[in-house]
N, C-alpha and C. Protein backbone atom coordinates (compact mmCIF):
# COMPACT_ATOMS: atom_id res chain seq x y z
N ALA A 1 0.84 -1.19 0.00
CA ALA A 1 0.00 0.00 0.00
C ALA A 1 0.87 1.24 0.00
N ASP A 2 0.35 2.30 -0.53
CA ASP A 2 1.04 3.58 -0.56
C ASP A 2 1.06 4.16 0.85
N GLY A 3 2.23 4.36 1.43
CA GLY A 3 2.36 4.85 2.79
C GLY A 3 1.64 6.16 3.04
N LEU A 4 1.46 6.98 2.01
CA LEU A 4 0.78 8.25 2.20
C LEU A 4 -0.71 8.06 2.44
N ASN A 5 -1.27 6.92 2.06
CA ASN A 5 -2.69 6.68 2.23
C ASN A 5 -3.04 5.83 3.44
N ILE A 6 -2.05 5.41 4.21
CA ILE A 6 -2.35 4.55 5.34
C ILE A 6 -2.05 5.18 6.69
N ILE A 7 -1.50 6.39 6.70
CA ILE A 7 -1.31 7.10 7.96
C ILE A 7 -1.90 8.50 7.83
N ARG A 8 -2.43 9.02 8.94
CA ARG A 8 -3.02 10.35 8.93
C ARG A 8 -1.97 11.42 9.18
N SER A 9 -1.09 11.19 10.11
CA SER A 9 -0.08 12.18 10.42
C SER A 9 1.14 11.47 10.97
N SER A 10 2.26 12.12 10.88
CA SER A 10 3.47 11.54 11.46
C SER A 10 4.40 12.66 11.87
N SER A 11 5.30 12.33 12.77
CA SER A 11 6.34 13.28 13.16
C SER A 11 7.60 12.52 13.52
N ILE A 12 8.72 13.15 13.29
CA ILE A 12 10.02 12.58 13.64
C ILE A 12 10.76 13.62 14.47
N VAL A 13 11.19 13.23 15.66
CA VAL A 13 11.89 14.14 16.56
C VAL A 13 13.27 13.58 16.83
N ASP A 14 14.31 14.40 16.59
CA ASP A 14 15.69 14.02 16.89
C ASP A 14 15.90 14.15 18.40
N ASN A 15 16.19 13.05 19.07
CA ASN A 15 16.40 13.07 20.52
C ASN A 15 17.78 13.58 20.92
N GLN A 16 18.61 13.96 19.93
CA GLN A 16 19.95 14.50 20.16
C GLN A 16 20.88 13.52 20.88
N ASP A 17 20.55 12.22 20.78
CA ASP A 17 21.41 11.20 21.38
C ASP A 17 21.65 10.03 20.42
N GLY A 18 21.41 10.28 19.14
CA GLY A 18 21.57 9.24 18.14
C GLY A 18 20.29 8.47 17.85
N THR A 19 19.23 8.80 18.57
CA THR A 19 17.95 8.14 18.33
C THR A 19 16.91 9.17 17.90
N TYR A 20 15.84 8.67 17.31
CA TYR A 20 14.74 9.52 16.86
C TYR A 20 13.43 8.94 17.40
N ALA A 21 12.51 9.80 17.77
CA ALA A 21 11.18 9.37 18.19
C ALA A 21 10.24 9.59 17.01
N VAL A 22 9.54 8.53 16.61
CA VAL A 22 8.62 8.60 15.49
C VAL A 22 7.21 8.30 15.99
N THR A 23 6.26 9.16 15.65
CA THR A 23 4.86 8.91 15.97
C THR A 23 4.04 9.01 14.69
N TYR A 24 2.97 8.22 14.62
CA TYR A 24 2.09 8.24 13.45
C TYR A 24 0.72 7.71 13.84
N THR A 25 -0.27 8.00 13.03
CA THR A 25 -1.63 7.52 13.25
C THR A 25 -2.05 6.70 12.05
N PRO A 26 -2.20 5.37 12.22
CA PRO A 26 -2.64 4.54 11.09
C PRO A 26 -4.11 4.79 10.78
N LEU A 27 -4.49 4.62 9.51
CA LEU A 27 -5.87 4.84 9.07
C LEU A 27 -6.60 3.54 8.79
N PHE A 28 -6.09 2.42 9.30
CA PHE A 28 -6.74 1.14 9.11
C PHE A 28 -6.38 0.24 10.28
N THR A 29 -7.07 -0.87 10.40
CA THR A 29 -6.74 -1.85 11.43
C THR A 29 -6.27 -3.12 10.74
N GLY A 30 -5.46 -3.90 11.44
CA GLY A 30 -4.98 -5.16 10.90
C GLY A 30 -3.47 -5.20 10.84
N PRO A 31 -2.93 -6.27 10.24
CA PRO A 31 -1.48 -6.45 10.18
C PRO A 31 -0.82 -5.48 9.20
N ALA A 32 0.40 -5.10 9.53
CA ALA A 32 1.17 -4.19 8.67
C ALA A 32 2.65 -4.38 8.98
N PHE A 33 3.48 -3.69 8.24
CA PHE A 33 4.92 -3.68 8.48
C PHE A 33 5.37 -2.24 8.57
N VAL A 34 6.22 -1.95 9.56
CA VAL A 34 6.77 -0.61 9.73
C VAL A 34 8.21 -0.63 9.24
N GLU A 35 8.54 0.32 8.39
CA GLU A 35 9.90 0.44 7.87
C GLU A 35 10.41 1.85 8.14
N ALA A 36 11.71 1.99 8.30
CA ALA A 36 12.34 3.29 8.48
C ALA A 36 13.50 3.41 7.49
N THR A 37 13.69 4.62 6.96
CA THR A 37 14.79 4.86 6.03
C THR A 37 15.59 6.09 6.47
N ARG A 38 16.82 6.13 6.05
CA ARG A 38 17.67 7.33 6.19
C ARG A 38 18.39 7.48 4.88
N ASN A 39 18.24 8.64 4.25
CA ASN A 39 18.83 8.89 2.93
C ASN A 39 18.41 7.81 1.93
N ASN A 40 17.13 7.43 1.98
CA ASN A 40 16.53 6.42 1.10
C ASN A 40 17.11 5.02 1.26
N ILE A 41 17.78 4.74 2.38
CA ILE A 41 18.31 3.41 2.66
C ILE A 41 17.52 2.84 3.84
N LEU A 42 16.96 1.63 3.66
CA LEU A 42 16.19 1.00 4.73
C LEU A 42 17.08 0.70 5.93
N ILE A 43 16.58 1.00 7.10
CA ILE A 43 17.28 0.71 8.36
C ILE A 43 16.86 -0.67 8.83
N GLN A 44 17.87 -1.48 9.26
CA GLN A 44 17.56 -2.82 9.73
C GLN A 44 16.67 -2.72 10.96
N GLY A 45 15.60 -3.53 10.99
CA GLY A 45 14.63 -3.48 12.07
C GLY A 45 14.94 -4.45 13.18
N LEU A 46 14.13 -4.40 14.20
CA LEU A 46 14.23 -5.31 15.32
C LEU A 46 12.86 -5.94 15.51
N THR A 47 12.79 -7.27 15.53
CA THR A 47 11.52 -7.92 15.78
C THR A 47 11.45 -8.28 17.25
N ASN A 48 10.25 -8.47 17.75
CA ASN A 48 10.03 -8.78 19.16
C ASN A 48 10.77 -7.81 20.07
N SER A 49 10.66 -6.52 19.77
CA SER A 49 11.42 -5.53 20.53
C SER A 49 11.01 -5.54 21.99
N SER A 50 11.91 -5.10 22.84
CA SER A 50 11.66 -5.11 24.28
C SER A 50 10.49 -4.19 24.61
N SER A 51 10.21 -3.18 23.79
CA SER A 51 9.08 -2.30 24.09
C SER A 51 7.76 -3.03 23.92
N CYS A 52 7.77 -4.18 23.24
CA CYS A 52 6.56 -4.99 23.08
C CYS A 52 6.61 -6.22 23.96
N GLY A 53 7.55 -6.27 24.88
CA GLY A 53 7.63 -7.40 25.81
C GLY A 53 8.53 -8.53 25.36
N GLY A 54 9.20 -8.39 24.23
CA GLY A 54 10.07 -9.46 23.75
C GLY A 54 11.53 -9.12 23.98
N THR A 55 12.40 -9.73 23.19
CA THR A 55 13.83 -9.45 23.29
C THR A 55 14.31 -8.86 21.97
N PHE A 56 15.39 -8.12 22.00
CA PHE A 56 15.94 -7.54 20.78
C PHE A 56 16.56 -8.63 19.92
N THR A 57 16.09 -8.75 18.70
CA THR A 57 16.61 -9.72 17.76
C THR A 57 16.78 -9.04 16.40
N PRO A 58 18.01 -8.71 16.01
CA PRO A 58 18.17 -8.09 14.69
C PRO A 58 17.60 -9.03 13.62
N ALA A 59 16.81 -8.49 12.73
CA ALA A 59 16.16 -9.36 11.77
C ALA A 59 16.14 -8.75 10.38
N CYS A 60 15.13 -8.02 10.08
CA CYS A 60 14.90 -7.56 8.71
C CYS A 60 14.69 -6.05 8.72
N THR A 61 14.28 -5.53 7.59
CA THR A 61 14.06 -4.10 7.50
C THR A 61 12.62 -3.71 7.79
N ALA A 62 11.72 -4.67 7.87
CA ALA A 62 10.32 -4.38 8.16
C ALA A 62 9.90 -5.02 9.47
N ILE A 63 9.32 -4.24 10.34
CA ILE A 63 8.88 -4.73 11.64
C ILE A 63 7.39 -5.03 11.56
N PRO A 64 6.96 -6.28 11.81
CA PRO A 64 5.53 -6.59 11.77
C PRO A 64 4.80 -5.99 12.97
N VAL A 65 3.67 -5.35 12.72
CA VAL A 65 2.84 -4.77 13.76
C VAL A 65 1.38 -5.09 13.44
N THR A 66 0.53 -4.94 14.44
CA THR A 66 -0.91 -5.05 14.21
C THR A 66 -1.55 -3.78 14.73
N PHE A 67 -2.22 -3.07 13.84
CA PHE A 67 -2.92 -1.85 14.23
C PHE A 67 -4.32 -2.22 14.71
N ILE A 68 -4.71 -1.69 15.85
CA ILE A 68 -6.05 -1.94 16.37
C ILE A 68 -6.80 -0.61 16.41
N ALA A 69 -8.12 -0.70 16.39
CA ALA A 69 -8.94 0.51 16.40
C ALA A 69 -8.80 1.22 17.74
N GLY A 70 -8.97 2.53 17.71
CA GLY A 70 -8.92 3.34 18.92
C GLY A 70 -10.25 3.32 19.64
N LEU A 71 -10.46 4.30 20.50
CA LEU A 71 -11.71 4.40 21.24
C LEU A 71 -12.88 4.60 20.30
N THR A 72 -14.04 4.08 20.67
CA THR A 72 -15.23 4.21 19.84
C THR A 72 -15.67 5.67 19.76
N ALA A 73 -15.98 6.10 18.56
CA ALA A 73 -16.50 7.44 18.32
C ALA A 73 -17.91 7.31 17.75
N ALA A 74 -18.89 7.74 18.53
CA ALA A 74 -20.28 7.64 18.07
C ALA A 74 -20.48 8.38 16.76
N SER A 75 -19.80 9.51 16.59
CA SER A 75 -19.97 10.32 15.37
C SER A 75 -19.44 9.61 14.13
N ALA A 76 -18.55 8.64 14.28
CA ALA A 76 -18.00 7.90 13.13
C ALA A 76 -18.70 6.56 12.94
N SER A 77 -19.39 6.06 13.98
CA SER A 77 -20.09 4.78 13.89
C SER A 77 -21.25 4.89 12.91
N THR A 78 -21.67 3.75 12.35
CA THR A 78 -22.70 3.77 11.31
C THR A 78 -23.85 2.84 11.67
N THR A 79 -24.99 3.09 11.03
CA THR A 79 -26.16 2.23 11.19
C THR A 79 -26.64 1.78 9.83
N SER A 80 -27.29 0.61 9.79
CA SER A 80 -27.87 0.11 8.55
C SER A 80 -28.99 -0.87 8.89
N GLY A 81 -29.89 -1.06 7.94
CA GLY A 81 -30.95 -2.05 8.12
C GLY A 81 -32.33 -1.48 7.92
N ALA A 82 -33.27 -2.39 7.67
CA ALA A 82 -34.65 -2.02 7.36
C ALA A 82 -35.31 -1.26 8.50
N GLY A 83 -34.96 -1.56 9.74
CA GLY A 83 -35.59 -0.92 10.88
C GLY A 83 -35.32 0.57 10.99
N LEU A 84 -34.44 1.09 10.15
CA LEU A 84 -34.20 2.53 10.13
C LEU A 84 -35.20 3.25 9.23
N CYS A 85 -35.89 2.49 8.37
CA CYS A 85 -36.77 3.09 7.36
C CYS A 85 -38.24 2.80 7.60
N THR A 86 -38.57 1.54 7.86
CA THR A 86 -39.96 1.15 8.02
C THR A 86 -40.10 0.12 9.12
N ALA A 87 -41.30 0.04 9.66
CA ALA A 87 -41.63 -0.98 10.65
C ALA A 87 -43.11 -1.27 10.54
N LEU A 88 -43.48 -2.53 10.60
CA LEU A 88 -44.88 -2.94 10.58
C LEU A 88 -45.38 -3.05 12.02
N ALA A 89 -46.53 -2.46 12.29
CA ALA A 89 -47.09 -2.51 13.64
C ALA A 89 -47.23 -3.95 14.09
N GLY A 90 -46.75 -4.23 15.29
CA GLY A 90 -46.86 -5.56 15.87
C GLY A 90 -45.79 -6.54 15.46
N GLU A 91 -44.90 -6.16 14.54
CA GLU A 91 -43.83 -7.06 14.12
C GLU A 91 -42.46 -6.49 14.48
N GLU A 92 -41.61 -7.37 14.98
CA GLU A 92 -40.26 -6.93 15.35
C GLU A 92 -39.47 -6.56 14.10
N THR A 93 -38.72 -5.50 14.20
CA THR A 93 -37.80 -5.09 13.15
C THR A 93 -36.47 -4.73 13.81
N SER A 94 -35.46 -4.50 13.01
CA SER A 94 -34.14 -4.24 13.61
C SER A 94 -33.26 -3.42 12.68
N PHE A 95 -32.18 -2.94 13.26
CA PHE A 95 -31.10 -2.32 12.50
C PHE A 95 -29.79 -2.64 13.19
N THR A 96 -28.71 -2.47 12.46
CA THR A 96 -27.38 -2.81 12.95
C THR A 96 -26.55 -1.55 13.16
N ILE A 97 -25.76 -1.54 14.20
CA ILE A 97 -24.80 -0.46 14.48
C ILE A 97 -23.41 -1.03 14.31
N GLN A 98 -22.56 -0.37 13.52
CA GLN A 98 -21.15 -0.75 13.39
C GLN A 98 -20.33 0.27 14.18
N ALA A 99 -19.70 -0.18 15.26
CA ALA A 99 -18.85 0.71 16.06
C ALA A 99 -17.58 1.02 15.28
N LYS A 100 -17.18 2.29 15.28
CA LYS A 100 -15.96 2.72 14.60
C LYS A 100 -15.17 3.67 15.49
N ASP A 101 -13.87 3.79 15.22
CA ASP A 101 -13.08 4.77 15.96
C ASP A 101 -13.09 6.10 15.20
N SER A 102 -12.37 7.09 15.69
CA SER A 102 -12.42 8.43 15.09
C SER A 102 -11.85 8.49 13.68
N THR A 103 -11.06 7.48 13.28
CA THR A 103 -10.54 7.47 11.91
C THR A 103 -11.49 6.75 10.96
N GLY A 104 -12.58 6.17 11.50
CA GLY A 104 -13.52 5.42 10.67
C GLY A 104 -13.20 3.94 10.60
N ALA A 105 -12.20 3.50 11.34
CA ALA A 105 -11.85 2.07 11.35
C ALA A 105 -12.88 1.29 12.16
N ASN A 106 -13.30 0.14 11.65
CA ASN A 106 -14.25 -0.70 12.37
C ASN A 106 -13.64 -1.21 13.66
N LYS A 107 -14.41 -1.13 14.74
CA LYS A 107 -14.00 -1.74 16.00
C LYS A 107 -14.21 -3.25 15.87
N LEU A 108 -13.39 -4.03 16.52
CA LEU A 108 -13.51 -5.48 16.46
C LEU A 108 -14.07 -6.06 17.75
N ASP A 109 -14.06 -5.27 18.82
CA ASP A 109 -14.61 -5.76 20.08
C ASP A 109 -16.06 -5.32 20.21
N THR A 110 -16.72 -5.81 21.22
CA THR A 110 -18.11 -5.42 21.48
C THR A 110 -18.24 -5.00 22.94
N ALA A 111 -17.36 -4.09 23.37
CA ALA A 111 -17.33 -3.63 24.75
C ALA A 111 -18.14 -2.35 24.96
N ASP A 112 -18.78 -1.86 23.93
CA ASP A 112 -19.54 -0.61 24.04
C ASP A 112 -21.00 -0.88 24.39
N VAL A 113 -21.68 0.14 24.85
CA VAL A 113 -23.12 0.07 25.08
C VAL A 113 -23.77 1.13 24.19
N PHE A 114 -24.61 0.69 23.27
CA PHE A 114 -25.34 1.60 22.39
C PHE A 114 -26.81 1.57 22.79
N THR A 115 -27.37 2.75 23.03
CA THR A 115 -28.80 2.86 23.29
C THR A 115 -29.43 3.56 22.10
N TYR A 116 -30.74 3.47 21.99
CA TYR A 116 -31.42 4.08 20.85
C TYR A 116 -32.82 4.53 21.25
N SER A 117 -33.35 5.48 20.50
CA SER A 117 -34.67 6.03 20.75
C SER A 117 -35.57 5.78 19.56
N ILE A 118 -36.85 5.55 19.82
CA ILE A 118 -37.85 5.43 18.78
C ILE A 118 -38.84 6.58 18.99
N ASN A 119 -38.98 7.43 17.99
CA ASN A 119 -39.84 8.63 18.10
C ASN A 119 -39.49 9.45 19.33
N GLY A 120 -38.20 9.58 19.62
CA GLY A 120 -37.74 10.41 20.72
C GLY A 120 -37.82 9.77 22.10
N VAL A 121 -38.30 8.53 22.16
CA VAL A 121 -38.41 7.84 23.45
C VAL A 121 -37.29 6.80 23.54
N LEU A 122 -36.51 6.89 24.61
CA LEU A 122 -35.41 5.95 24.80
C LEU A 122 -35.97 4.54 24.91
N TRP A 123 -35.47 3.63 24.07
CA TRP A 123 -35.92 2.24 24.09
C TRP A 123 -35.37 1.59 25.36
N PRO A 124 -36.15 0.70 26.01
CA PRO A 124 -35.72 0.16 27.31
C PRO A 124 -34.55 -0.81 27.26
N ALA A 125 -34.15 -1.29 26.10
CA ALA A 125 -33.03 -2.24 26.01
C ALA A 125 -31.94 -1.67 25.12
N ALA A 126 -30.70 -1.93 25.50
CA ALA A 126 -29.56 -1.50 24.67
C ALA A 126 -29.41 -2.45 23.48
N ALA A 127 -28.71 -1.98 22.46
CA ALA A 127 -28.41 -2.83 21.30
C ALA A 127 -27.58 -4.03 21.78
N VAL A 128 -27.81 -5.19 21.17
CA VAL A 128 -27.18 -6.44 21.60
C VAL A 128 -25.88 -6.68 20.81
N PRO A 129 -24.75 -6.89 21.51
CA PRO A 129 -23.49 -7.16 20.81
C PRO A 129 -23.58 -8.43 19.96
N GLN A 130 -23.06 -8.35 18.72
CA GLN A 130 -23.08 -9.49 17.81
C GLN A 130 -21.67 -10.01 17.50
N GLY A 131 -20.64 -9.29 17.95
CA GLY A 131 -19.26 -9.65 17.65
C GLY A 131 -18.71 -8.75 16.56
N ASN A 132 -17.40 -8.61 16.52
CA ASN A 132 -16.70 -7.81 15.51
C ASN A 132 -17.18 -6.37 15.42
N GLY A 133 -17.54 -5.78 16.55
CA GLY A 133 -17.95 -4.38 16.58
C GLY A 133 -19.37 -4.12 16.11
N LEU A 134 -20.13 -5.18 15.87
CA LEU A 134 -21.52 -5.03 15.42
C LEU A 134 -22.49 -5.19 16.58
N TYR A 135 -23.56 -4.39 16.55
CA TYR A 135 -24.61 -4.44 17.57
C TYR A 135 -25.96 -4.47 16.87
N LEU A 136 -26.90 -5.24 17.40
CA LEU A 136 -28.22 -5.38 16.81
C LEU A 136 -29.25 -4.69 17.70
N ALA A 137 -30.02 -3.78 17.11
CA ALA A 137 -31.08 -3.07 17.83
C ALA A 137 -32.42 -3.58 17.33
N ASN A 138 -33.19 -4.18 18.22
CA ASN A 138 -34.51 -4.73 17.88
C ASN A 138 -35.59 -3.89 18.54
N TYR A 139 -36.71 -3.74 17.86
CA TYR A 139 -37.85 -3.08 18.47
C TYR A 139 -39.13 -3.48 17.76
N THR A 140 -40.26 -3.29 18.46
CA THR A 140 -41.58 -3.56 17.90
C THR A 140 -42.47 -2.35 18.17
N ILE A 141 -43.02 -1.80 17.11
CA ILE A 141 -43.98 -0.71 17.23
C ILE A 141 -45.36 -1.36 17.35
N GLN A 142 -46.13 -0.96 18.38
CA GLN A 142 -47.42 -1.61 18.63
C GLN A 142 -48.57 -1.06 17.80
N THR A 143 -48.52 0.22 17.48
CA THR A 143 -49.64 0.80 16.69
C THR A 143 -49.10 1.59 15.52
N ILE A 144 -49.92 1.74 14.50
CA ILE A 144 -49.53 2.48 13.29
C ILE A 144 -49.30 3.94 13.65
N GLY A 145 -48.22 4.50 13.11
CA GLY A 145 -47.93 5.91 13.29
C GLY A 145 -47.21 6.25 14.57
N THR A 146 -46.81 5.26 15.37
CA THR A 146 -46.07 5.55 16.59
C THR A 146 -44.76 4.85 16.63
């Protein structure tokens, strides 16, 4: 992938001791490789670095990492399903909520609590976790027009 399309921002700070501090924000979740260059030459990486709980082992130029989603952002989360558009009186309908972080990356856990309102009235049950950041909201409207 093009590195310019997979990170939102980055910075490099010279620590004045022969090391540099690098920070960046990935725009996706999942496995990736981190590489560093100086004067367009790849710097040899370290796998299982001590900062990740392992030991220093000189290996290759790409360090394998796994990016995970950040905190859930309600403003970035999405909804879908028939229950957002129509409902038949007396019949259960539903819609799905996909939890996302502030970058729009799908959350993979189901540790959030999503509540919802029907016609401005808070529904008495929270959306039910389905796994992989998905939640199911079920409801039944008892009369037409409400």
